[in-house]
Structure formats: structure tokens, C-alpha cells
Amino acid sequence: MGSHLCEALLAQGHCVRIFDRPNLSRFISANSTPKLEWFEGDFINQDDVSRAVAGCEVVYHLISTTLPRSSNENPAYDVETNVVGTLHMLEAARRNGVRKIIFISSGGTVYGIPQTVPVKESHPTEPICSYGIGKLAIEKYLSLFDRLYGMDYCVLRLANPFGERQRIAADQGAVAVFLDKALRNEEITIWGDGSVVRDYFYVGDAVTAMTKALAYTGPSGVFNIGSGAGQSLNQILDAIETLLGTTVRRAHLPARGFDVPISVLDISKAAEFLDWRPHTTFADGLSRTVRWLQMG
């Protein structure tokens, strides 16, 4: 998502500074435009982070060192690297006069098991994995820094974005992972019976929401960002089979305890206050992702 966001911000004429880990491949050269800077460092290194935010007016916070599964395996690491790391970043942002923080949170984990669907922002937050607890804690600290220091913020609770450049060798991102395996005629592993429902939406729509958050001048707040509709893992695989005209091989493993049975977000608040709605259908997003995978 970060690469798509940077391209969108540059296209809108903004100066962009990217902060990323060392020795990673770059999707765009820093020499390609004078409006782009590329800083390398470690998120838990306070000097690196302070250097990265110096002179910035707005910070987009997309960093996460864990996934829902790995966060439960080592909650202390999750807190130390994500929550404490973010606190140091917020302190550096305050010292350097950053005006606004836009935080990419998790609409799929902060609410826990939904009591009602679709899930509104006012729904109780009872996450069942450390990843969701950490995201929620960061949201609370953003509110605290706003109250104490007047640092504006906007929280976007994203559902399940997918699209070009999604990592296909990761444990997260079912759509791209499934597509890649289907194209290679490899067996696809499903945790449980495939009935788990998630809110999948195209990365381009996610980026539009992020740029809308930059332009938003209302009070600090939290917004759900997704498609507003749900699809099961089985439905995704059915759609992939239809698109590719082939049958995919499926292997079922026991369900995971941190997977909520259904997560679909109510996106009406974002439509009202951010003037944002998704415009890419799931089928169109799937086709775009396939074309990208086939080009690679």
C-alpha cells in the first residue's frame, strides 16, 4: 500500500519522504523526481525515526512489524516494536512540529467477534489477537496526543485490501496469495472450512481513502474503510476459478483461534465525512491483480 500511496501523493504534487528498512528493493528511484526523498532506518531506533519525521507536515503511519498470527506468538515483541515504537515516533513528531498523523489501523482485528454486521466505528472493541490490541492502543495514544498537544490525527480502520505489489510469500493477503498459487497450479491451504468471511477491497480505493484523509479538515476521528460487503474464502476461490477457467487444488487445515468468523465494515461514516466510497468491483480488482502477477 505504501508504494501506491507514494505514487498518488506525488501525482497530486506533494513532496514525499519514504521511511523504510535498509536494503529493500525500491519501487521508484529517488532520482526520478525532486519531490521524493528516501530514508532508510529502523522503526525502533529513535534517532532514525526523528531524522525521518523532521521537516514533515503530515506523517502516514503504515508500519507494522507483526501479523495477527505472529503477534500472538510473541505479544511482548508486538508491543515493544509497534506500540512503543509508535510512541517514540509520536514524541519525535511533536518535537518536530508535525501537524497531523494518519494511521492505518485494522478494521479486521480491533473489533474482535462482531455483535452486529456490518460493523460500525461505534461497535465495542474486543480484539482477540495481540495485533488488534496493539492497533487499538496506538489509536488511543493518538487521541491522547491530540488532547495533550493538539496534534491532529485520522485513523483509517482498513478491512482487507488487495492488489498489485501485494506480497505473495507472506502469511497475510489471501487474494494475492491464492491467485499466485492458482496460476502456478499449486495447492492452496485454507484454515478451517473456508466459510470465514472478510471485507476485501482494491488497493487503489484504499489509497484514495488515504489521500481523502489528508484533505479532511474536520475533527480528529476514526473511519472504517472497506467494500461494505463480505466474501468467504470459498467464494474467493470460486471467483478465481471462474476468472482463470481452471480448478484450484484446496487443502483444509484446522481453523485458527484468532480468526473471527466474519468481518464486514460499515463504511457510511467515511462516505459522509471523507466523501469516499470504493469504486472498483472485486472482479475488476481481481483481474488487475492477475495481470500484474502474469507480468512478473
C-alpha atoms as a PDB file:
ATOM      1  CA  MET A   1       0.000   0.000   0.000  1.00  0.00           C
ATOM      2  CA  GLY A   2       2.826   2.363   0.780  1.00  0.00           C
ATOM      3  CA  SER A   3       4.133   2.315  -2.780  1.00  0.00           C
ATOM      4  CA  HIS A   4       0.699   3.083  -4.223  1.00  0.00           C
ATOM      5  CA  LEU A   5       0.197   5.851  -1.661  1.00  0.00           C
ATOM      6  CA  CYS A   6       3.530   7.480  -2.506  1.00  0.00           C
ATOM      7  CA  GLU A   7       2.718   7.469  -6.213  1.00  0.00           C
ATOM      8  CA  ALA A   8      -0.686   9.043  -5.544  1.00  0.00           C
ATOM      9  CA  LEU A   9       0.773  11.778  -3.326  1.00  0.00           C
ATOM     10  CA  LEU A  10       3.481  12.591  -5.875  1.00  0.00           C
ATOM     11  CA  ALA A  11       0.842  12.751  -8.617  1.00  0.00           C
ATOM     12  CA  GLN A  12      -1.039  15.315  -6.514  1.00  0.00           C
ATOM     13  CA  GLY A  13       2.096  17.460  -6.301  1.00  0.00           C
ATOM     14  CA  HIS A  14       3.126  16.708  -2.716  1.00  0.00           C
ATOM     15  CA  CYS A  15       6.709  16.311  -1.530  1.00  0.00           C
ATOM     16  CA  VAL A  16       7.104  12.782  -0.177  1.00  0.00           C
ATOM     17  CA  ARG A  17       9.667  11.249   2.157  1.00  0.00           C
ATOM     18  CA  ILE A  18       9.673   7.454   2.379  1.00  0.00           C
ATOM     19  CA  PHE A  19      10.967   5.759   5.534  1.00  0.00           C
ATOM     20  CA  ASP A  20      11.709   2.081   5.049  1.00  0.00           C
ATOM     21  CA  ARG A  21      14.040  -0.682   6.166  1.00  0.00           C
ATOM     22  CA  PRO A  22      17.527  -0.829   4.653  1.00  0.00           C
ATOM     23  CA  ASN A  23      18.449  -2.913   1.621  1.00  0.00           C
ATOM     24  CA  LEU A  24      14.929  -3.374   0.274  1.00  0.00           C
ATOM     25  CA  SER A  25      14.192  -3.086  -3.433  1.00  0.00           C
ATOM     26  CA  ARG A  26      12.735   0.293  -4.356  1.00  0.00           C
ATOM     27  CA  PHE A  27       9.642   0.610  -6.495  1.00  0.00           C
ATOM     28  CA  ILE A  28      10.705   4.105  -7.592  1.00  0.00           C
ATOM     29  CA  SER A  29      14.057   5.865  -7.757  1.00  0.00           C
ATOM     30  CA  ALA A  30      14.716   8.843  -5.508  1.00  0.00           C
ATOM     31  CA  ASN A  31      16.321  10.467  -8.560  1.00  0.00           C
ATOM     32  CA  SER A  32      13.107  10.240 -10.562  1.00  0.00           C
ATOM     33  CA  THR A  33      11.663  13.424  -9.059  1.00  0.00           C
ATOM     34  CA  PRO A  34      12.972  16.216  -6.817  1.00  0.00           C
ATOM     35  CA  LYS A  35       9.827  15.845  -4.715  1.00  0.00           C
ATOM     36  CA  LEU A  36      10.858  12.417  -3.436  1.00  0.00           C
ATOM     37  CA  GLU A  37      13.251  11.535  -0.602  1.00  0.00           C
ATOM     38  CA  TRP A  38      14.080   8.045   0.586  1.00  0.00           C
ATOM     39  CA  PHE A  39      15.241   7.480   4.172  1.00  0.00           C
ATOM     40  CA  GLU A  40      16.359   4.087   5.457  1.00  0.00           C
ATOM     41  CA  GLY A  41      16.382   3.048   9.097  1.00  0.00           C
ATOM     42  CA  ASP A  42      14.873   1.034  11.922  1.00  0.00           C
ATOM     43  CA  PHE A  43      11.462   1.986  13.306  1.00  0.00           C
ATOM     44  CA  ILE A  44      12.540   1.200  16.861  1.00  0.00           C
ATOM     45  CA  ASN A  45      15.660   3.375  16.536  1.00  0.00           C
ATOM     46  CA  GLN A  46      14.634   6.753  17.924  1.00  0.00           C
ATOM     47  CA  ASP A  47      17.351   8.651  16.054  1.00  0.00           C
ATOM     48  CA  ASP A  48      16.306   7.139  12.730  1.00  0.00           C
ATOM     49  CA  VAL A  49      12.663   7.993  13.285  1.00  0.00           C
ATOM     50  CA  SER A  50      13.391  11.537  14.481  1.00  0.00           C
ATOM     51  CA  ARG A  51      15.506  12.137  11.391  1.00  0.00           C
ATOM     52  CA  ALA A  52      12.732  10.766   9.177  1.00  0.00           C
ATOM     53  CA  VAL A  53       9.936  12.995  10.509  1.00  0.00           C
ATOM     54  CA  ALA A  54      11.996  16.213  10.760  1.00  0.00           C
ATOM     55  CA  GLY A  55      10.536  18.864   8.492  1.00  0.00           C
ATOM     56  CA  CYS A  56       7.395  16.892   7.672  1.00  0.00           C
ATOM     57  CA  GLU A  57       3.947  18.399   7.994  1.00  0.00           C
ATOM     58  CA  VAL A  58       1.967  15.143   7.870  1.00  0.00           C
ATOM     59  CA  VAL A  59       3.026  11.582   8.711  1.00  0.00           C
ATOM     60  CA  TYR A  60       1.348   8.493   7.276  1.00  0.00           C
ATOM     61  CA  HIS A  61       1.944   5.607   9.676  1.00  0.00           C
ATOM     62  CA  LEU A  62       1.718   2.271   7.836  1.00  0.00           C
ATOM     63  CA  ILE A  63       4.458   0.393   9.691  1.00  0.00           C
ATOM     64  CA  SER A  64       3.717  -2.894  11.404  1.00  0.00           C
ATOM     65  CA  THR A  65       6.334  -5.404  12.496  1.00  0.00           C
ATOM     66  CA  THR A  66       3.873  -8.252  13.094  1.00  0.00           C
ATOM     67  CA  LEU A  67       0.886 -10.052  11.613  1.00  0.00           C
ATOM     68  CA  PRO A  68      -2.188 -11.261  13.542  1.00  0.00           C
ATOM     69  CA  ARG A  69      -0.742 -14.782  13.837  1.00  0.00           C
ATOM     70  CA  SER A  70       2.811 -13.828  14.760  1.00  0.00           C
ATOM     71  CA  SER A  71       1.620 -11.208  17.246  1.00  0.00           C
ATOM     72  CA  ASN A  72       0.052 -13.883  19.444  1.00  0.00           C
ATOM     73  CA  GLU A  73       3.241 -15.928  19.368  1.00  0.00           C
ATOM     74  CA  ASN A  74       5.196 -13.065  20.967  1.00  0.00           C
ATOM     75  CA  PRO A  75       2.935 -10.313  22.349  1.00  0.00           C
ATOM     76  CA  ALA A  76       5.837  -8.590  24.125  1.00  0.00           C
ATOM     77  CA  TYR A  77       7.671  -8.127  20.819  1.00  0.00           C
ATOM     78  CA  ASP A  78       4.461  -6.839  19.265  1.00  0.00           C
ATOM     79  CA  VAL A  79       4.090  -4.184  21.966  1.00  0.00           C
ATOM     80  CA  GLU A  80       7.775  -3.242  22.076  1.00  0.00           C
ATOM     81  CA  THR A  81       8.145  -2.771  18.336  1.00  0.00           C
ATOM     82  CA  ASN A  82       4.727  -1.445  17.351  1.00  0.00           C
ATOM     83  CA  VAL A  83       3.186   0.359  20.330  1.00  0.00           C
ATOM     84  CA  VAL A  84       6.383   1.619  21.989  1.00  0.00           C
ATOM     85  CA  GLY A  85       7.910   2.326  18.589  1.00  0.00           C
ATOM     86  CA  THR A  86       4.880   4.435  17.698  1.00  0.00           C
ATOM     87  CA  LEU A  87       5.099   6.337  20.983  1.00  0.00           C
ATOM     88  CA  HIS A  88       8.686   7.306  20.194  1.00  0.00           C
ATOM     89  CA  MET A  89       7.560   8.348  16.716  1.00  0.00           C
ATOM     90  CA  LEU A  90       4.770  10.493  18.187  1.00  0.00           C
ATOM     91  CA  GLU A  91       7.235  12.189  20.519  1.00  0.00           C
ATOM     92  CA  ALA A  92       9.557  12.882  17.585  1.00  0.00           C
ATOM     93  CA  ALA A  93       6.623  14.210  15.560  1.00  0.00           C
ATOM     94  CA  ARG A  94       5.626  16.526  18.413  1.00  0.00           C
ATOM     95  CA  ARG A  95       9.167  17.855  18.788  1.00  0.00           C
ATOM     96  CA  ASN A  96       9.435  18.478  15.063  1.00  0.00           C
ATOM     97  CA  GLY A  97       6.109  20.259  14.700  1.00  0.00           C
ATOM     98  CA  VAL A  98       4.253  17.607  12.677  1.00  0.00           C
ATOM     99  CA  ARG A  99       0.695  18.816  12.186  1.00  0.00           C
ATOM    100  CA  LYS A 100      -1.162  15.575  11.546  1.00  0.00           C
ATOM    101  CA  ILE A 101      -0.792  11.790  11.823  1.00  0.00           C
ATOM    102  CA  ILE A 102      -2.752   9.468   9.524  1.00  0.00           C
ATOM    103  CA  PHE A 103      -2.675   5.982  10.999  1.00  0.00           C
ATOM    104  CA  ILE A 104      -3.574   2.827   9.101  1.00  0.00           C
ATOM    105  CA  SER A 105      -5.311   0.631  11.670  1.00  0.00           C
ATOM    106  CA  SER A 106      -7.059  -2.720  11.299  1.00  0.00           C
ATOM    107  CA  GLY A 107     -10.796  -2.944  10.773  1.00  0.00           C
ATOM    108  CA  GLY A 108     -10.496  -6.709  10.722  1.00  0.00           C
ATOM    109  CA  THR A 109      -8.996  -7.143  14.208  1.00  0.00           C
ATOM    110  CA  VAL A 110      -9.765  -4.206  16.532  1.00  0.00           C
ATOM    111  CA  TYR A 111     -13.455  -5.103  16.906  1.00  0.00           C
ATOM    112  CA  GLY A 112     -12.994  -8.783  17.695  1.00  0.00           C
ATOM    113  CA  ILE A 113     -16.000 -11.064  17.107  1.00  0.00           C
ATOM    114  CA  PRO A 114     -18.771  -8.809  15.726  1.00  0.00           C
ATOM    115  CA  GLN A 115     -22.000  -8.462  17.639  1.00  0.00           C
ATOM    116  CA  THR A 116     -23.654  -6.910  14.580  1.00  0.00           C
ATOM    117  CA  VAL A 117     -22.742  -6.847  10.883  1.00  0.00           C
ATOM    118  CA  PRO A 118     -21.754  -4.637   9.172  1.00  0.00           C
ATOM    119  CA  VAL A 119     -19.580  -3.255  11.953  1.00  0.00           C
ATOM    120  CA  LYS A 120     -19.801   0.464  12.737  1.00  0.00           C
ATOM    121  CA  GLU A 121     -16.978   2.501  14.289  1.00  0.00           C
ATOM    122  CA  SER A 122     -19.048   2.662  17.499  1.00  0.00           C
ATOM    123  CA  HIS A 123     -19.026  -1.138  17.832  1.00  0.00           C
ATOM    124  CA  PRO A 124     -17.292  -2.420  21.012  1.00  0.00           C
ATOM    125  CA  THR A 125     -13.588  -3.094  20.534  1.00  0.00           C
ATOM    126  CA  GLU A 126     -12.693  -6.521  21.927  1.00  0.00           C
ATOM    127  CA  PRO A 127      -9.756  -7.780  19.806  1.00  0.00           C
ATOM    128  CA  ILE A 128      -8.816 -11.435  20.177  1.00  0.00           C
ATOM    129  CA  CYS A 129      -5.218 -11.102  18.956  1.00  0.00           C
ATOM    130  CA  SER A 130      -2.286  -9.018  20.123  1.00  0.00           C
ATOM    131  CA  TYR A 131      -2.082  -7.376  16.696  1.00  0.00           C
ATOM    132  CA  GLY A 132      -5.546  -5.857  17.163  1.00  0.00           C
ATOM    133  CA  ILE A 133      -4.822  -4.842  20.755  1.00  0.00           C
ATOM    134  CA  GLY A 134      -1.678  -3.041  19.589  1.00  0.00           C
ATOM    135  CA  LYS A 135      -3.530  -1.212  16.815  1.00  0.00           C
ATOM    136  CA  LEU A 136      -6.203  -0.129  19.269  1.00  0.00           C
ATOM    137  CA  ALA A 137      -3.603   1.052  21.792  1.00  0.00           C
ATOM    138  CA  ILE A 138      -1.972   3.218  19.108  1.00  0.00           C
ATOM    139  CA  GLU A 139      -5.369   4.727  18.295  1.00  0.00           C
ATOM    140  CA  LYS A 140      -5.796   5.640  21.962  1.00  0.00           C
ATOM    141  CA  TYR A 141      -2.358   7.252  22.136  1.00  0.00           C
ATOM    142  CA  LEU A 142      -3.150   9.311  19.056  1.00  0.00           C
ATOM    143  CA  SER A 143      -6.224  10.600  20.843  1.00  0.00           C
ATOM    144  CA  LEU A 144      -4.111  11.359  23.927  1.00  0.00           C
ATOM    145  CA  PHE A 145      -1.516  13.336  21.921  1.00  0.00           C
ATOM    146  CA  ASP A 146      -4.338  15.274  20.283  1.00  0.00           C
ATOM    147  CA  ARG A 147      -5.766  16.135  23.696  1.00  0.00           C
ATOM    148  CA  LEU A 148      -2.396  16.995  25.274  1.00  0.00           C
ATOM    149  CA  TYR A 149      -0.629  18.715  22.383  1.00  0.00           C
ATOM    150  CA  GLY A 150      -3.242  19.457  19.746  1.00  0.00           C
ATOM    151  CA  MET A 151      -1.686  17.029  17.234  1.00  0.00           C
ATOM    152  CA  ASP A 152      -4.386  16.262  14.688  1.00  0.00           C
ATOM    153  CA  TYR A 153      -4.914  12.674  13.629  1.00  0.00           C
ATOM    154  CA  CYS A 154      -7.066  10.472  11.429  1.00  0.00           C
ATOM    155  CA  VAL A 155      -7.425   6.719  11.919  1.00  0.00           C
ATOM    156  CA  LEU A 156      -8.388   4.560   8.954  1.00  0.00           C
ATOM    157  CA  ARG A 157      -9.520   1.099  10.012  1.00  0.00           C
ATOM    158  CA  LEU A 158      -8.890  -0.823   6.816  1.00  0.00           C
ATOM    159  CA  ALA A 159     -10.610  -4.081   6.007  1.00  0.00           C
ATOM    160  CA  ASN A 160      -8.682  -6.395   3.651  1.00  0.00           C
ATOM    161  CA  PRO A 161      -7.062  -4.510   0.759  1.00  0.00           C
ATOM    162  CA  PHE A 162      -5.596  -6.418  -2.157  1.00  0.00           C
ATOM    163  CA  GLY A 163      -3.995  -5.661  -5.487  1.00  0.00           C
ATOM    164  CA  GLU A 164      -0.753  -5.159  -7.357  1.00  0.00           C
ATOM    165  CA  ARG A 165       2.528  -5.426  -5.393  1.00  0.00           C
ATOM    166  CA  GLN A 166       0.917  -7.376  -2.562  1.00  0.00           C
ATOM    167  CA  ARG A 167       3.439  -9.808  -1.126  1.00  0.00           C
ATOM    168  CA  ILE A 168       2.731 -13.313  -2.339  1.00  0.00           C
ATOM    169  CA  ALA A 169       5.180 -15.035   0.008  1.00  0.00           C
ATOM    170  CA  ALA A 170       3.532 -13.720   3.190  1.00  0.00           C
ATOM    171  CA  ASP A 171       1.050 -15.211   5.652  1.00  0.00           C
ATOM    172  CA  GLN A 172      -1.368 -12.359   5.052  1.00  0.00           C
ATOM    173  CA  GLY A 173      -3.250 -11.303   1.936  1.00  0.00           C
ATOM    174  CA  ALA A 174      -5.444 -14.186   0.831  1.00  0.00           C
ATOM    175  CA  VAL A 175      -6.375 -12.805  -2.588  1.00  0.00           C
ATOM    176  CA  ALA A 176      -2.861 -12.315  -3.981  1.00  0.00           C
ATOM    177  CA  VAL A 177      -1.511 -15.468  -2.322  1.00  0.00           C
ATOM    178  CA  PHE A 178      -4.382 -17.587  -3.658  1.00  0.00           C
ATOM    179  CA  LEU A 179      -4.070 -16.080  -7.142  1.00  0.00           C
ATOM    180  CA  ASP A 180      -0.349 -16.735  -7.329  1.00  0.00           C
ATOM    181  CA  LYS A 181      -0.750 -20.349  -6.238  1.00  0.00           C
ATOM    182  CA  ALA A 182      -3.613 -20.872  -8.668  1.00  0.00           C
ATOM    183  CA  LEU A 183      -1.525 -19.531 -11.544  1.00  0.00           C
ATOM    184  CA  ARG A 184       1.269 -21.928 -10.554  1.00  0.00           C
ATOM    185  CA  ASN A 185      -1.179 -24.816 -10.122  1.00  0.00           C
ATOM    186  CA  GLU A 186      -0.062 -25.176  -6.506  1.00  0.00           C
ATOM    187  CA  GLU A 187      -2.229 -26.418  -3.662  1.00  0.00           C
ATOM    188  CA  ILE A 188      -3.969 -23.663  -1.678  1.00  0.00           C
ATOM    189  CA  THR A 189      -4.104 -24.014   2.105  1.00  0.00           C
ATOM    190  CA  ILE A 190      -7.300 -22.920   3.860  1.00  0.00           C
ATOM    191  CA  TRP A 191      -7.555 -22.625   7.620  1.00  0.00           C
ATOM    192  CA  GLY A 192     -10.942 -24.099   8.536  1.00  0.00           C
ATOM    193  CA  ASP A 193     -13.761 -24.964   6.146  1.00  0.00           C
ATOM    194  CA  GLY A 194     -13.437 -21.796   4.050  1.00  0.00           C
ATOM    195  CA  SER A 195     -16.568 -20.162   5.457  1.00  0.00           C
ATOM    196  CA  VAL A 196     -14.657 -17.300   7.148  1.00  0.00           C
ATOM    197  CA  VAL A 197     -15.951 -14.040   5.670  1.00  0.00           C
ATOM    198  CA  ARG A 198     -13.868 -10.915   5.146  1.00  0.00           C
ATOM    199  CA  ASP A 199     -14.334  -7.493   3.554  1.00  0.00           C
ATOM    200  CA  TYR A 200     -11.987  -7.417   0.530  1.00  0.00           C
ATOM    201  CA  PHE A 201     -11.405  -4.238  -1.474  1.00  0.00           C
ATOM    202  CA  TYR A 202      -8.962  -2.956  -4.070  1.00  0.00           C
ATOM    203  CA  VAL A 203      -5.754  -1.172  -3.042  1.00  0.00           C
ATOM    204  CA  GLY A 204      -6.485   1.788  -5.321  1.00  0.00           C
ATOM    205  CA  ASP A 205      -9.632   2.518  -3.328  1.00  0.00           C
ATOM    206  CA  ALA A 206      -7.646   2.234  -0.081  1.00  0.00           C
ATOM    207  CA  VAL A 207      -5.165   4.829  -1.354  1.00  0.00           C
ATOM    208  CA  THR A 208      -7.974   7.172  -2.356  1.00  0.00           C
ATOM    209  CA  ALA A 209      -9.245   6.992   1.231  1.00  0.00           C
ATOM    210  CA  MET A 210      -5.750   7.840   2.493  1.00  0.00           C
ATOM    211  CA  THR A 211      -5.489  10.919   0.293  1.00  0.00           C
ATOM    212  CA  LYS A 212      -9.016  11.958   1.306  1.00  0.00           C
ATOM    213  CA  ALA A 213      -7.849  11.764   4.935  1.00  0.00           C
ATOM    214  CA  LEU A 214      -5.058  14.211   4.109  1.00  0.00           C
ATOM    215  CA  ALA A 215      -7.570  16.732   2.764  1.00  0.00           C
ATOM    216  CA  TYR A 216     -10.032  16.161   5.614  1.00  0.00           C
ATOM    217  CA  THR A 217     -10.301  19.210   7.877  1.00  0.00           C
ATOM    218  CA  GLY A 218     -12.944  18.023  10.326  1.00  0.00           C
ATOM    219  CA  PRO A 219     -12.360  16.894  13.903  1.00  0.00           C
ATOM    220  CA  SER A 220      -9.952  14.045  14.557  1.00  0.00           C
ATOM    221  CA  GLY A 221     -11.658  10.726  14.170  1.00  0.00           C
ATOM    222  CA  VAL A 222     -11.821   7.084  13.176  1.00  0.00           C
ATOM    223  CA  PHE A 223     -13.153   5.774   9.866  1.00  0.00           C
ATOM    224  CA  ASN A 224     -13.864   2.290   8.561  1.00  0.00           C
ATOM    225  CA  ILE A 225     -12.502   1.713   5.055  1.00  0.00           C
ATOM    226  CA  GLY A 226     -13.583  -1.331   3.074  1.00  0.00           C
ATOM    227  CA  SER A 227     -16.086  -2.519   0.485  1.00  0.00           C
ATOM    228  CA  GLY A 228     -19.044  -2.748   2.838  1.00  0.00           C
ATOM    229  CA  ALA A 229     -19.641  -6.329   1.659  1.00  0.00           C
ATOM    230  CA  GLY A 230     -18.234  -9.694   2.630  1.00  0.00           C
ATOM    231  CA  GLN A 231     -16.927 -12.739   0.805  1.00  0.00           C
ATOM    232  CA  SER A 232     -15.888 -16.094   2.185  1.00  0.00           C
ATOM    233  CA  LEU A 233     -12.613 -17.782   1.319  1.00  0.00           C
ATOM    234  CA  ASN A 234     -14.607 -20.322  -0.659  1.00  0.00           C
ATOM    235  CA  GLN A 235     -16.231 -17.537  -2.675  1.00  0.00           C
ATOM    236  CA  ILE A 236     -12.811 -16.035  -3.434  1.00  0.00           C
ATOM    237  CA  LEU A 237     -11.576 -19.379  -4.721  1.00  0.00           C
ATOM    238  CA  ASP A 238     -14.727 -19.790  -6.795  1.00  0.00           C
ATOM    239  CA  ALA A 239     -14.137 -16.344  -8.323  1.00  0.00           C
ATOM    240  CA  ILE A 240     -10.514 -17.238  -9.088  1.00  0.00           C
ATOM    241  CA  GLU A 241     -11.608 -20.455 -10.792  1.00  0.00           C
ATOM    242  CA  THR A 242     -14.122 -18.520 -12.890  1.00  0.00           C
ATOM    243  CA  LEU A 243     -11.552 -15.879 -13.858  1.00  0.00           C
ATOM    244  CA  LEU A 244      -8.795 -18.345 -14.740  1.00  0.00           C
ATOM    245  CA  GLY A 245     -11.062 -21.004 -16.203  1.00  0.00           C
ATOM    246  CA  THR A 246      -9.464 -23.709 -14.124  1.00  0.00           C
ATOM    247  CA  THR A 247      -9.956 -25.713 -10.937  1.00  0.00           C
ATOM    248  CA  VAL A 248      -7.760 -24.902  -7.948  1.00  0.00           C
ATOM    249  CA  ARG A 249      -6.468 -27.529  -5.555  1.00  0.00           C
ATOM    250  CA  ARG A 250      -7.616 -26.901  -1.967  1.00  0.00           C
ATOM    251  CA  ALA A 251      -6.224 -28.272   1.302  1.00  0.00           C
ATOM    252  CA  HIS A 252      -8.011 -27.653   4.589  1.00  0.00           C
ATOM    253  CA  LEU A 253      -6.251 -27.299   7.942  1.00  0.00           C
ATOM    254  CA  PRO A 254      -7.815 -26.782  11.395  1.00  0.00           C
ATOM    255  CA  ALA A 255      -9.302 -23.322  11.993  1.00  0.00           C
ATOM    256  CA  ARG A 256      -7.150 -20.766  13.822  1.00  0.00           C
ATOM    257  CA  GLY A 257      -8.302 -19.380  17.159  1.00  0.00           C
ATOM    258  CA  PHE A 258      -7.587 -15.740  16.300  1.00  0.00           C
ATOM    259  CA  ASP A 259      -9.729 -15.737  13.128  1.00  0.00           C
ATOM    260  CA  VAL A 260     -13.118 -14.118  13.739  1.00  0.00           C
ATOM    261  CA  PRO A 261     -15.866 -15.868  11.733  1.00  0.00           C
ATOM    262  CA  ILE A 262     -16.991 -12.731   9.893  1.00  0.00           C
ATOM    263  CA  SER A 263     -15.719  -9.189   9.465  1.00  0.00           C
ATOM    264  CA  VAL A 264     -17.583  -6.721   7.246  1.00  0.00           C
ATOM    265  CA  LEU A 265     -17.295  -2.984   7.852  1.00  0.00           C
ATOM    266  CA  ASP A 266     -19.946  -0.283   7.746  1.00  0.00           C
ATOM    267  CA  ILE A 267     -18.338   2.452   5.604  1.00  0.00           C
ATOM    268  CA  SER A 268     -21.138   5.033   5.766  1.00  0.00           C
ATOM    269  CA  LYS A 269     -19.157   7.375   8.049  1.00  0.00           C
ATOM    270  CA  ALA A 270     -16.299   7.612   5.542  1.00  0.00           C
ATOM    271  CA  ALA A 271     -18.826   8.303   2.781  1.00  0.00           C
ATOM    272  CA  GLU A 272     -20.362  11.137   4.801  1.00  0.00           C
ATOM    273  CA  PHE A 273     -17.270  12.844   6.210  1.00  0.00           C
ATOM    274  CA  LEU A 274     -14.455  11.922   3.824  1.00  0.00           C
ATOM    275  CA  ASP A 275     -16.615  11.853   0.687  1.00  0.00           C
ATOM    276  CA  TRP A 276     -15.107   8.448  -0.002  1.00  0.00           C
ATOM    277  CA  ARG A 277     -16.592   5.307  -1.500  1.00  0.00           C
ATOM    278  CA  PRO A 278     -14.933   2.330  -3.179  1.00  0.00           C
ATOM    279  CA  HIS A 279     -15.300   2.347  -6.961  1.00  0.00           C
ATOM    280  CA  THR A 280     -13.501  -0.837  -8.029  1.00  0.00           C
ATOM    281  CA  THR A 281     -15.502  -4.055  -8.081  1.00  0.00           C
ATOM    282  CA  PHE A 282     -13.984  -7.193  -6.616  1.00  0.00           C
ATOM    283  CA  ALA A 283     -13.958  -8.816 -10.065  1.00  0.00           C
ATOM    284  CA  ASP A 284     -12.143  -5.858 -11.621  1.00  0.00           C
ATOM    285  CA  GLY A 285      -9.596  -5.754  -8.795  1.00  0.00           C
ATOM    286  CA  LEU A 286      -9.050  -9.484  -9.189  1.00  0.00           C
ATOM    287  CA  SER A 287      -8.419  -9.076 -12.931  1.00  0.00           C
ATOM    288  CA  ARG A 288      -5.917  -6.274 -12.336  1.00  0.00           C
ATOM    289  CA  THR A 289      -4.051  -8.376  -9.783  1.00  0.00           C
ATOM    290  CA  VAL A 290      -3.879 -11.325 -12.177  1.00  0.00           C
ATOM    291  CA  ARG A 291      -2.440  -9.121 -14.931  1.00  0.00           C
ATOM    292  CA  TRP A 292       0.237  -7.852 -12.538  1.00  0.00           C
ATOM    293  CA  LEU A 293       1.162 -11.376 -11.458  1.00  0.00           C
ATOM    294  CA  GLN A 294       1.348 -12.561 -15.045  1.00  0.00           C
ATOM    295  CA  MET A 295       3.647  -9.643 -15.953  1.00  0.00           C
ATOM    296  CA  GLY A 296       6.032 -10.557 -13.137  1.00  0.00           C
END
